[in-house]
Amino acid sequence: MAERTPWSLSGALRGMFAKKTIDDDTWSDLEDALIKADFGPDVTDALVTELRGKVAKYRTTDPADLQRMLRETIEERLAKLDSTLKLTERPAVVLVVGVNGVGKTTTIGKFAKFLRGYDRTVLVGAADTFRAAAVEQLATWAERAGVGIVRPQMQGQDPAAVAFQTIERAKAEGTEIVIIDTAGRLQTKGGLMDELGKIRRVIEKQAPISEVLLVLDATTGQNGLAQAEAFIEHAGVTGLVLTKLDGSAKGGFVLAVQEKTGIPIKLVGQGEGINDLTGFTPHVFAQKLVG
């Protein structure tokens, strides 16, 4: 039996825009496709309303015009927030937060490799001291990325102490960028946010925090966002990192999450390899999503 090709938004749109004219079915199919691609009902309604207005304004019945308008509209909405990483301080300190299981530790390894590609010196701090496996995993990724790591001196060491030691070493060695891993789960949510607050206060006595990046698993969509809301509320998140953004089946989540949180997407991971994390560019993303 032949394998079914996985559904993708670009594939669905290709069929839709191949028709001779824009009709009622076009709008209905477009709405269904956007919902299926995880744009969410609010963003889908807003997009369709805006596109209907543009189609009426320019009096077009050509699906190719609608395709271009959809691409441009998604790009414009994504570009409203600045996706540039702010890493000018020395050392530039990046705190990475998120629930366990979203790919936080692997993201740090990929991010370190990404920065090494720009000839930046990087040091990572293993401040998720509650999980021995997290420390070992981070050490493996740091080695693969060719960067140094500061580990806890004992299991369960105070995470803020590890963060302190990491900044201290970075300053002593003149390292340009520091990436600090943090716990994704404790016994109580309040405890976790208090812990993050403590890490922040300790770091800020030594150096300003340049970015607080929240890692989200794109395949979990709106559910993953709901799980991460405590971080958005309490951790001072400045940017989002979306992992597992393979194909465009869940591509709509990119716009939905940015509109819902008001926080820009700064990095996207599109595969398992160490080089599969890239900066986020609205133009490139909209082009890939819509075709």
C-alpha atoms as a PDB file:
ATOM      1  CA  MET A   1       0.000   0.000   0.000  1.00  0.00           C
ATOM      2  CA  ALA A   2       1.363   3.442  -0.947  1.00  0.00           C
ATOM      3  CA  GLU A   3       2.264   5.758   1.921  1.00  0.00           C
ATOM      4  CA  ARG A   4      -0.003   8.750   2.321  1.00  0.00           C
ATOM      5  CA  THR A   5       1.697  12.105   1.894  1.00  0.00           C
ATOM      6  CA  PRO A   6       1.366  14.060   5.150  1.00  0.00           C
ATOM      7  CA  TRP A   7      -1.032  17.006   4.955  1.00  0.00           C
ATOM      8  CA  SER A   8       0.567  20.411   4.588  1.00  0.00           C
ATOM      9  CA  LEU A   9      -0.883  23.891   4.248  1.00  0.00           C
ATOM     10  CA  SER A  10       1.192  24.664   1.152  1.00  0.00           C
ATOM     11  CA  GLY A  11      -0.115  21.487  -0.513  1.00  0.00           C
ATOM     12  CA  ALA A  12      -3.749  22.322   0.327  1.00  0.00           C
ATOM     13  CA  LEU A  13      -3.316  25.889  -0.932  1.00  0.00           C
ATOM     14  CA  ARG A  14      -1.691  24.722  -4.162  1.00  0.00           C
ATOM     15  CA  GLY A  15      -4.887  22.876  -5.119  1.00  0.00           C
ATOM     16  CA  MET A  16      -7.057  25.779  -4.053  1.00  0.00           C
ATOM     17  CA  PHE A  17      -5.138  28.422  -5.999  1.00  0.00           C
ATOM     18  CA  ALA A  18      -4.941  26.243  -9.135  1.00  0.00           C
ATOM     19  CA  LYS A  19      -8.651  26.909  -9.774  1.00  0.00           C
ATOM     20  CA  LYS A  20      -9.757  29.388 -12.418  1.00  0.00           C
ATOM     21  CA  THR A  21     -11.580  31.833 -10.162  1.00  0.00           C
ATOM     22  CA  ILE A  22     -12.207  32.868  -6.549  1.00  0.00           C
ATOM     23  CA  ASP A  23     -15.652  31.624  -5.482  1.00  0.00           C
ATOM     24  CA  ASP A  24     -17.526  30.746  -2.271  1.00  0.00           C
ATOM     25  CA  ASP A  25     -15.784  27.355  -2.122  1.00  0.00           C
ATOM     26  CA  THR A  26     -12.412  29.115  -2.191  1.00  0.00           C
ATOM     27  CA  TRP A  27     -13.219  31.043   1.005  1.00  0.00           C
ATOM     28  CA  SER A  28     -14.662  27.994   2.722  1.00  0.00           C
ATOM     29  CA  ASP A  29     -11.651  25.840   1.745  1.00  0.00           C
ATOM     30  CA  LEU A  30      -9.219  28.566   2.804  1.00  0.00           C
ATOM     31  CA  GLU A  31     -10.847  28.847   6.228  1.00  0.00           C
ATOM     32  CA  ASP A  32     -10.728  25.055   6.712  1.00  0.00           C
ATOM     33  CA  ALA A  33      -7.068  24.900   5.664  1.00  0.00           C
ATOM     34  CA  LEU A  34      -6.020  27.702   8.022  1.00  0.00           C
ATOM     35  CA  ILE A  35      -7.818  26.080  10.959  1.00  0.00           C
ATOM     36  CA  LYS A  36      -6.223  22.722  10.117  1.00  0.00           C
ATOM     37  CA  ALA A  37      -2.782  24.394  10.034  1.00  0.00           C
ATOM     38  CA  ASP A  38      -3.323  25.587  13.634  1.00  0.00           C
ATOM     39  CA  PHE A  39      -3.816  29.313  13.020  1.00  0.00           C
ATOM     40  CA  GLY A  40      -6.657  29.113  15.555  1.00  0.00           C
ATOM     41  CA  PRO A  41     -10.193  30.479  15.033  1.00  0.00           C
ATOM     42  CA  ASP A  42      -9.439  34.128  15.938  1.00  0.00           C
ATOM     43  CA  VAL A  43      -6.432  34.545  13.650  1.00  0.00           C
ATOM     44  CA  THR A  44      -8.204  32.606  10.870  1.00  0.00           C
ATOM     45  CA  ASP A  45     -11.249  34.914  11.066  1.00  0.00           C
ATOM     46  CA  ALA A  46      -9.039  38.006  11.062  1.00  0.00           C
ATOM     47  CA  LEU A  47      -7.031  36.786   8.041  1.00  0.00           C
ATOM     48  CA  VAL A  48     -10.088  35.788   5.993  1.00  0.00           C
ATOM     49  CA  THR A  49     -11.854  39.088   6.769  1.00  0.00           C
ATOM     50  CA  GLU A  50      -8.774  41.080   5.769  1.00  0.00           C
ATOM     51  CA  LEU A  51      -8.346  39.073   2.552  1.00  0.00           C
ATOM     52  CA  ARG A  52     -12.022  39.426   1.591  1.00  0.00           C
ATOM     53  CA  GLY A  53     -11.595  43.187   1.980  1.00  0.00           C
ATOM     54  CA  LYS A  54      -8.495  43.243  -0.247  1.00  0.00           C
ATOM     55  CA  VAL A  55     -10.098  41.047  -2.919  1.00  0.00           C
ATOM     56  CA  ALA A  56     -13.121  43.375  -2.985  1.00  0.00           C
ATOM     57  CA  LYS A  57     -10.943  46.505  -3.026  1.00  0.00           C
ATOM     58  CA  TYR A  58      -8.838  45.345  -5.981  1.00  0.00           C
ATOM     59  CA  ARG A  59     -11.834  43.692  -7.703  1.00  0.00           C
ATOM     60  CA  THR A  60      -9.897  40.553  -8.546  1.00  0.00           C
ATOM     61  CA  THR A  61     -11.199  37.045  -9.170  1.00  0.00           C
ATOM     62  CA  ASP A  62      -7.754  35.537  -9.801  1.00  0.00           C
ATOM     63  CA  PRO A  63      -6.682  32.927  -7.192  1.00  0.00           C
ATOM     64  CA  ALA A  64      -3.021  33.846  -7.873  1.00  0.00           C
ATOM     65  CA  ASP A  65      -3.774  37.340  -6.495  1.00  0.00           C
ATOM     66  CA  LEU A  66      -5.356  35.798  -3.412  1.00  0.00           C
ATOM     67  CA  GLN A  67      -2.282  33.607  -2.892  1.00  0.00           C
ATOM     68  CA  ARG A  68       0.020  36.642  -3.065  1.00  0.00           C
ATOM     69  CA  MET A  69      -2.250  38.624  -0.723  1.00  0.00           C
ATOM     70  CA  LEU A  70      -2.302  35.747   1.804  1.00  0.00           C
ATOM     71  CA  ARG A  71       1.495  35.513   1.749  1.00  0.00           C
ATOM     72  CA  GLU A  72       1.913  39.286   2.145  1.00  0.00           C
ATOM     73  CA  THR A  73      -0.715  39.513   4.909  1.00  0.00           C
ATOM     74  CA  ILE A  74       0.914  36.729   6.956  1.00  0.00           C
ATOM     75  CA  GLU A  75       4.333  38.335   6.457  1.00  0.00           C
ATOM     76  CA  GLU A  76       3.070  41.790   7.516  1.00  0.00           C
ATOM     77  CA  ARG A  77       1.460  40.393  10.664  1.00  0.00           C
ATOM     78  CA  LEU A  78       4.576  38.399  11.584  1.00  0.00           C
ATOM     79  CA  ALA A  79       6.840  41.412  10.971  1.00  0.00           C
ATOM     80  CA  LYS A  80       4.938  43.632  13.443  1.00  0.00           C
ATOM     81  CA  LEU A  81       7.251  42.339  16.207  1.00  0.00           C
ATOM     82  CA  ASP A  82      11.044  42.587  15.997  1.00  0.00           C
ATOM     83  CA  SER A  83      12.601  39.117  15.650  1.00  0.00           C
ATOM     84  CA  THR A  84      16.192  40.359  16.097  1.00  0.00           C
ATOM     85  CA  LEU A  85      18.186  38.719  18.893  1.00  0.00           C
ATOM     86  CA  LYS A  86      19.582  41.391  21.248  1.00  0.00           C
ATOM     87  CA  LEU A  87      23.066  40.111  22.030  1.00  0.00           C
ATOM     88  CA  THR A  88      25.220  43.253  22.104  1.00  0.00           C
ATOM     89  CA  GLU A  89      26.199  43.261  25.806  1.00  0.00           C
ATOM     90  CA  ARG A  90      29.404  41.540  26.865  1.00  0.00           C
ATOM     91  CA  PRO A  91      28.821  39.028  28.116  1.00  0.00           C
ATOM     92  CA  ALA A  92      25.337  38.784  26.587  1.00  0.00           C
ATOM     93  CA  VAL A  93      23.385  36.541  28.956  1.00  0.00           C
ATOM     94  CA  VAL A  94      20.543  34.423  27.574  1.00  0.00           C
ATOM     95  CA  LEU A  95      18.204  32.619  29.967  1.00  0.00           C
ATOM     96  CA  VAL A  96      16.375  29.668  28.368  1.00  0.00           C
ATOM     97  CA  VAL A  97      13.057  28.633  29.939  1.00  0.00           C
ATOM     98  CA  GLY A  98      10.202  26.242  29.146  1.00  0.00           C
ATOM     99  CA  VAL A  99       8.391  23.136  30.374  1.00  0.00           C
ATOM    100  CA  ASN A 100      10.225  19.803  30.321  1.00  0.00           C
ATOM    101  CA  GLY A 101       9.918  17.832  27.096  1.00  0.00           C
ATOM    102  CA  VAL A 102       9.837  20.717  24.598  1.00  0.00           C
ATOM    103  CA  GLY A 103      13.461  20.238  23.534  1.00  0.00           C
ATOM    104  CA  LYS A 104      14.965  22.964  25.734  1.00  0.00           C
ATOM    105  CA  THR A 105      18.342  21.305  26.304  1.00  0.00           C
ATOM    106  CA  THR A 106      18.828  20.295  22.657  1.00  0.00           C
ATOM    107  CA  THR A 107      17.779  23.825  21.628  1.00  0.00           C
ATOM    108  CA  ILE A 108      20.574  25.270  23.782  1.00  0.00           C
ATOM    109  CA  GLY A 109      23.097  22.995  22.047  1.00  0.00           C
ATOM    110  CA  LYS A 110      21.806  24.027  18.617  1.00  0.00           C
ATOM    111  CA  PHE A 111      21.740  27.706  19.612  1.00  0.00           C
ATOM    112  CA  ALA A 112      25.354  27.481  20.804  1.00  0.00           C
ATOM    113  CA  LYS A 113      26.340  25.948  17.436  1.00  0.00           C
ATOM    114  CA  PHE A 114      24.356  28.658  15.604  1.00  0.00           C
ATOM    115  CA  LEU A 115      26.293  31.362  17.483  1.00  0.00           C
ATOM    116  CA  ARG A 116      29.617  29.595  16.893  1.00  0.00           C
ATOM    117  CA  GLY A 117      28.776  29.813  13.184  1.00  0.00           C
ATOM    118  CA  TYR A 118      29.058  33.603  13.606  1.00  0.00           C
ATOM    119  CA  ASP A 119      32.422  33.182  15.383  1.00  0.00           C
ATOM    120  CA  ARG A 120      31.005  34.114  18.783  1.00  0.00           C
ATOM    121  CA  THR A 121      32.539  32.575  21.911  1.00  0.00           C
ATOM    122  CA  VAL A 122      29.881  30.793  23.966  1.00  0.00           C
ATOM    123  CA  LEU A 123      29.643  29.287  27.458  1.00  0.00           C
ATOM    124  CA  VAL A 124      26.616  27.319  28.686  1.00  0.00           C
ATOM    125  CA  GLY A 125      25.509  26.953  32.287  1.00  0.00           C
ATOM    126  CA  ALA A 126      23.704  23.776  33.415  1.00  0.00           C
ATOM    127  CA  ALA A 127      21.364  25.378  35.975  1.00  0.00           C
ATOM    128  CA  ASP A 128      18.675  22.679  35.600  1.00  0.00           C
ATOM    129  CA  THR A 129      20.319  21.005  38.572  1.00  0.00           C
ATOM    130  CA  PHE A 130      17.260  18.989  39.616  1.00  0.00           C
ATOM    131  CA  ARG A 131      17.670  16.534  36.726  1.00  0.00           C
ATOM    132  CA  ALA A 132      21.040  14.820  36.460  1.00  0.00           C
ATOM    133  CA  ALA A 133      20.047  13.659  32.974  1.00  0.00           C
ATOM    134  CA  ALA A 134      19.576  17.288  31.864  1.00  0.00           C
ATOM    135  CA  VAL A 135      23.125  18.151  32.927  1.00  0.00           C
ATOM    136  CA  GLU A 136      24.577  15.149  31.069  1.00  0.00           C
ATOM    137  CA  GLN A 137      22.496  15.857  27.977  1.00  0.00           C
ATOM    138  CA  LEU A 138      23.581  19.514  27.958  1.00  0.00           C
ATOM    139  CA  ALA A 139      27.238  18.469  28.343  1.00  0.00           C
ATOM    140  CA  THR A 140      26.899  16.208  25.284  1.00  0.00           C
ATOM    141  CA  TRP A 141      25.365  19.009  23.202  1.00  0.00           C
ATOM    142  CA  ALA A 142      27.960  21.543  24.411  1.00  0.00           C
ATOM    143  CA  GLU A 143      30.713  19.190  23.267  1.00  0.00           C
ATOM    144  CA  ARG A 144      29.047  18.737  19.871  1.00  0.00           C
ATOM    145  CA  ALA A 145      28.712  22.507  19.517  1.00  0.00           C
ATOM    146  CA  GLY A 146      32.332  23.054  20.537  1.00  0.00           C
ATOM    147  CA  VAL A 147      31.558  25.268  23.549  1.00  0.00           C
ATOM    148  CA  GLY A 148      32.418  25.209  27.253  1.00  0.00           C
ATOM    149  CA  ILE A 149      30.016  24.232  30.031  1.00  0.00           C
ATOM    150  CA  VAL A 150      29.716  24.990  33.746  1.00  0.00           C
ATOM    151  CA  ARG A 151      28.173  22.031  35.577  1.00  0.00           C
ATOM    152  CA  PRO A 152      26.773  21.844  39.113  1.00  0.00           C
ATOM    153  CA  GLN A 153      29.440  20.792  41.620  1.00  0.00           C
ATOM    154  CA  MET A 154      26.931  18.329  43.102  1.00  0.00           C
ATOM    155  CA  GLN A 155      23.476  17.062  42.140  1.00  0.00           C
ATOM    156  CA  GLY A 156      20.729  19.402  43.302  1.00  0.00           C
ATOM    157  CA  GLN A 157      23.135  22.333  43.744  1.00  0.00           C
ATOM    158  CA  ASP A 158      21.381  25.694  43.958  1.00  0.00           C
ATOM    159  CA  PRO A 159      20.646  26.675  40.301  1.00  0.00           C
ATOM    160  CA  ALA A 160      21.382  30.345  41.036  1.00  0.00           C
ATOM    161  CA  ALA A 161      24.874  29.335  42.245  1.00  0.00           C
ATOM    162  CA  VAL A 162      25.550  27.553  38.928  1.00  0.00           C
ATOM    163  CA  ALA A 163      24.334  30.656  37.039  1.00  0.00           C
ATOM    164  CA  PHE A 164      26.636  32.826  39.183  1.00  0.00           C
ATOM    165  CA  GLN A 165      29.652  30.580  38.501  1.00  0.00           C
ATOM    166  CA  THR A 166      28.886  30.580  34.753  1.00  0.00           C
ATOM    167  CA  ILE A 167      28.845  34.399  34.518  1.00  0.00           C
ATOM    168  CA  GLU A 168      31.961  34.609  36.697  1.00  0.00           C
ATOM    169  CA  ARG A 169      33.858  32.260  34.368  1.00  0.00           C
ATOM    170  CA  ALA A 170      32.572  34.030  31.237  1.00  0.00           C
ATOM    171  CA  LYS A 171      33.803  37.383  32.552  1.00  0.00           C
ATOM    172  CA  ALA A 172      37.174  35.932  33.535  1.00  0.00           C
ATOM    173  CA  GLU A 173      37.642  34.324  30.095  1.00  0.00           C
ATOM    174  CA  GLY A 174      36.155  37.212  28.076  1.00  0.00           C
ATOM    175  CA  THR A 175      33.388  34.974  26.652  1.00  0.00           C
ATOM    176  CA  GLU A 176      30.912  36.885  24.470  1.00  0.00           C
ATOM    177  CA  ILE A 177      27.659  34.968  25.028  1.00  0.00           C
ATOM    178  CA  VAL A 178      26.384  32.949  27.991  1.00  0.00           C
ATOM    179  CA  ILE A 179      23.389  30.591  27.708  1.00  0.00           C
ATOM    180  CA  ILE A 180      21.825  29.396  30.964  1.00  0.00           C
ATOM    181  CA  ASP A 181      19.585  26.302  31.075  1.00  0.00           C
ATOM    182  CA  THR A 182      16.848  26.332  33.737  1.00  0.00           C
ATOM    183  CA  ALA A 183      14.451  23.811  35.267  1.00  0.00           C
ATOM    184  CA  GLY A 184      11.198  23.129  33.432  1.00  0.00           C
ATOM    185  CA  ARG A 185       9.323  21.602  36.328  1.00  0.00           C
ATOM    186  CA  LEU A 186       9.473  21.553  40.115  1.00  0.00           C
ATOM    187  CA  GLN A 187       7.036  20.165  42.656  1.00  0.00           C
ATOM    188  CA  THR A 188       5.052  23.402  42.616  1.00  0.00           C
ATOM    189  CA  LYS A 189       4.656  26.034  39.920  1.00  0.00           C
ATOM    190  CA  GLY A 190       5.200  28.797  42.474  1.00  0.00           C
ATOM    191  CA  GLY A 191       8.493  27.175  43.486  1.00  0.00           C
ATOM    192  CA  LEU A 192       9.674  27.111  39.884  1.00  0.00           C
ATOM    193  CA  MET A 193       8.882  30.779  39.264  1.00  0.00           C
ATOM    194  CA  ASP A 194      10.526  31.761  42.575  1.00  0.00           C
ATOM    195  CA  GLU A 195      13.600  29.784  41.478  1.00  0.00           C
ATOM    196  CA  LEU A 196      13.708  31.614  38.126  1.00  0.00           C
ATOM    197  CA  GLY A 197      13.314  34.946  39.924  1.00  0.00           C
ATOM    198  CA  LYS A 198      16.266  34.078  42.165  1.00  0.00           C
ATOM    199  CA  ILE A 199      18.434  33.082  39.157  1.00  0.00           C
ATOM    200  CA  ARG A 200      17.573  36.400  37.492  1.00  0.00           C
ATOM    201  CA  ARG A 201      18.467  38.457  40.580  1.00  0.00           C
ATOM    202  CA  VAL A 202      21.802  36.670  41.006  1.00  0.00           C
ATOM    203  CA  ILE A 203      22.716  37.124  37.318  1.00  0.00           C
ATOM    204  CA  GLU A 204      21.667  40.777  37.221  1.00  0.00           C
ATOM    205  CA  LYS A 205      24.094  41.608  40.030  1.00  0.00           C
ATOM    206  CA  GLN A 206      26.893  40.547  37.649  1.00  0.00           C
ATOM    207  CA  ALA A 207      25.584  41.338  34.152  1.00  0.00           C
ATOM    208  CA  PRO A 208      22.360  42.453  32.437  1.00  0.00           C
ATOM    209  CA  ILE A 209      20.149  39.699  30.989  1.00  0.00           C
ATOM    210  CA  SER A 210      19.992  40.244  27.224  1.00  0.00           C
ATOM    211  CA  GLU A 211      17.266  37.718  26.347  1.00  0.00           C
ATOM    212  CA  VAL A 212      14.865  35.350  28.096  1.00  0.00           C
ATOM    213  CA  LEU A 213      13.909  32.771  25.466  1.00  0.00           C
ATOM    214  CA  LEU A 214      10.861  30.540  25.960  1.00  0.00           C
ATOM    215  CA  VAL A 215      11.070  27.211  24.083  1.00  0.00           C
ATOM    216  CA  LEU A 216       7.766  25.878  22.699  1.00  0.00           C
ATOM    217  CA  ASP A 217       7.126  22.606  20.854  1.00  0.00           C
ATOM    218  CA  ALA A 218       5.234  23.606  17.682  1.00  0.00           C
ATOM    219  CA  THR A 219       3.618  20.167  17.393  1.00  0.00           C
ATOM    220  CA  THR A 220       1.739  20.666  20.682  1.00  0.00           C
ATOM    221  CA  GLY A 221       0.296  23.972  19.411  1.00  0.00           C
ATOM    222  CA  GLN A 222      -2.196  25.756  21.655  1.00  0.00           C
ATOM    223  CA  ASN A 223      -1.851  23.107  24.422  1.00  0.00           C
ATOM    224  CA  GLY A 224       1.867  23.759  24.677  1.00  0.00           C
ATOM    225  CA  LEU A 225       1.186  27.475  24.900  1.00  0.00           C
ATOM    226  CA  ALA A 226      -1.279  26.953  27.756  1.00  0.00           C
ATOM    227  CA  GLN A 227       1.364  24.933  29.655  1.00  0.00           C
ATOM    228  CA  ALA A 228       3.923  27.706  29.185  1.00  0.00           C
ATOM    229  CA  GLU A 229       1.734  30.612  30.268  1.00  0.00           C
ATOM    230  CA  ALA A 230       3.236  30.763  33.773  1.00  0.00           C
ATOM    231  CA  PHE A 231       6.641  31.463  32.176  1.00  0.00           C
ATOM    232  CA  ILE A 232       5.180  34.253  30.045  1.00  0.00           C
ATOM    233  CA  GLU A 233       3.527  35.748  33.114  1.00  0.00           C
ATOM    234  CA  HIS A 234       6.463  35.534  35.522  1.00  0.00           C
ATOM    235  CA  ALA A 235       9.761  34.982  33.691  1.00  0.00           C
ATOM    236  CA  GLY A 236      10.077  38.241  31.685  1.00  0.00           C
ATOM    237  CA  VAL A 237      10.157  36.374  28.348  1.00  0.00           C
ATOM    238  CA  THR A 238      11.616  38.483  25.503  1.00  0.00           C
ATOM    239  CA  GLY A 239      11.490  35.963  22.642  1.00  0.00           C
ATOM    240  CA  LEU A 240      10.073  32.605  21.568  1.00  0.00           C
ATOM    241  CA  VAL A 241      11.896  29.601  20.127  1.00  0.00           C
ATOM    242  CA  LEU A 242       9.708  27.138  18.230  1.00  0.00           C
ATOM    243  CA  THR A 243      11.033  23.579  17.980  1.00  0.00           C
ATOM    244  CA  LYS A 244       9.857  20.679  15.770  1.00  0.00           C
ATOM    245  CA  LEU A 245       8.476  22.988  13.107  1.00  0.00           C
ATOM    246  CA  ASP A 246       8.831  20.334  10.389  1.00  0.00           C
ATOM    247  CA  GLY A 247       6.648  20.858   7.333  1.00  0.00           C
ATOM    248  CA  SER A 248       3.748  23.286   7.337  1.00  0.00           C
ATOM    249  CA  ALA A 249       1.012  21.165   8.928  1.00  0.00           C
ATOM    250  CA  LYS A 250       1.271  23.235  12.124  1.00  0.00           C
ATOM    251  CA  GLY A 251       2.772  26.339  10.510  1.00  0.00           C
ATOM    252  CA  GLY A 252      -0.144  28.552  11.485  1.00  0.00           C
ATOM    253  CA  PHE A 253       0.843  28.218  15.126  1.00  0.00           C
ATOM    254  CA  VAL A 254       3.763  30.545  14.390  1.00  0.00           C
ATOM    255  CA  LEU A 255       1.459  33.490  13.712  1.00  0.00           C
ATOM    256  CA  ALA A 256      -1.127  32.434  16.308  1.00  0.00           C
ATOM    257  CA  VAL A 257       1.420  32.246  19.137  1.00  0.00           C
ATOM    258  CA  GLN A 258       2.984  35.599  18.298  1.00  0.00           C
ATOM    259  CA  GLU A 259      -0.410  37.346  18.099  1.00  0.00           C
ATOM    260  CA  LYS A 260      -1.639  35.704  21.303  1.00  0.00           C
ATOM    261  CA  THR A 261       1.432  36.466  23.417  1.00  0.00           C
ATOM    262  CA  GLY A 262       2.711  39.707  21.873  1.00  0.00           C
ATOM    263  CA  ILE A 263       6.205  38.154  22.071  1.00  0.00           C
ATOM    264  CA  PRO A 264       8.331  37.854  18.901  1.00  0.00           C
ATOM    265  CA  ILE A 265       9.579  34.543  17.538  1.00  0.00           C
ATOM    266  CA  LYS A 266      13.361  34.756  17.409  1.00  0.00           C
ATOM    267  CA  LEU A 267      14.504  31.226  16.510  1.00  0.00           C
ATOM    268  CA  VAL A 268      12.968  28.193  14.816  1.00  0.00           C
ATOM    269  CA  GLY A 269      14.109  24.571  14.876  1.00  0.00           C
ATOM    270  CA  GLN A 270      13.141  22.572  11.812  1.00  0.00           C
ATOM    271  CA  GLY A 271      14.827  19.218  12.360  1.00  0.00           C
ATOM    272  CA  GLU A 272      16.872  16.999  14.652  1.00  0.00           C
ATOM    273  CA  GLY A 273      20.401  17.938  13.532  1.00  0.00           C
ATOM    274  CA  ILE A 274      22.695  20.368  15.347  1.00  0.00           C
ATOM    275  CA  ASN A 275      22.509  22.844  12.433  1.00  0.00           C
ATOM    276  CA  ASP A 276      18.697  22.828  12.255  1.00  0.00           C
ATOM    277  CA  LEU A 277      18.084  25.931  14.379  1.00  0.00           C
ATOM    278  CA  THR A 278      17.924  29.228  12.495  1.00  0.00           C
ATOM    279  CA  GLY A 279      16.965  32.827  13.036  1.00  0.00           C
ATOM    280  CA  PHE A 280      13.350  33.681  12.237  1.00  0.00           C
ATOM    281  CA  THR A 281      12.653  35.702   9.081  1.00  0.00           C
ATOM    282  CA  PRO A 282       8.961  36.552   8.432  1.00  0.00           C
ATOM    283  CA  HIS A 283       9.451  36.892   4.659  1.00  0.00           C
ATOM    284  CA  VAL A 284      11.131  33.501   4.258  1.00  0.00           C
ATOM    285  CA  PHE A 285       8.623  31.828   6.577  1.00  0.00           C
ATOM    286  CA  ALA A 286       5.524  33.243   4.825  1.00  0.00           C
ATOM    287  CA  GLN A 287       6.978  32.243   1.444  1.00  0.00           C
ATOM    288  CA  LYS A 288       7.561  28.671   2.611  1.00  0.00           C
ATOM    289  CA  LEU A 289       4.154  28.420   4.270  1.00  0.00           C
ATOM    290  CA  VAL A 290       2.003  29.763   1.431  1.00  0.00           C
ATOM    291  CA  GLY A 291       4.181  29.019  -1.592  1.00  0.00           C
END
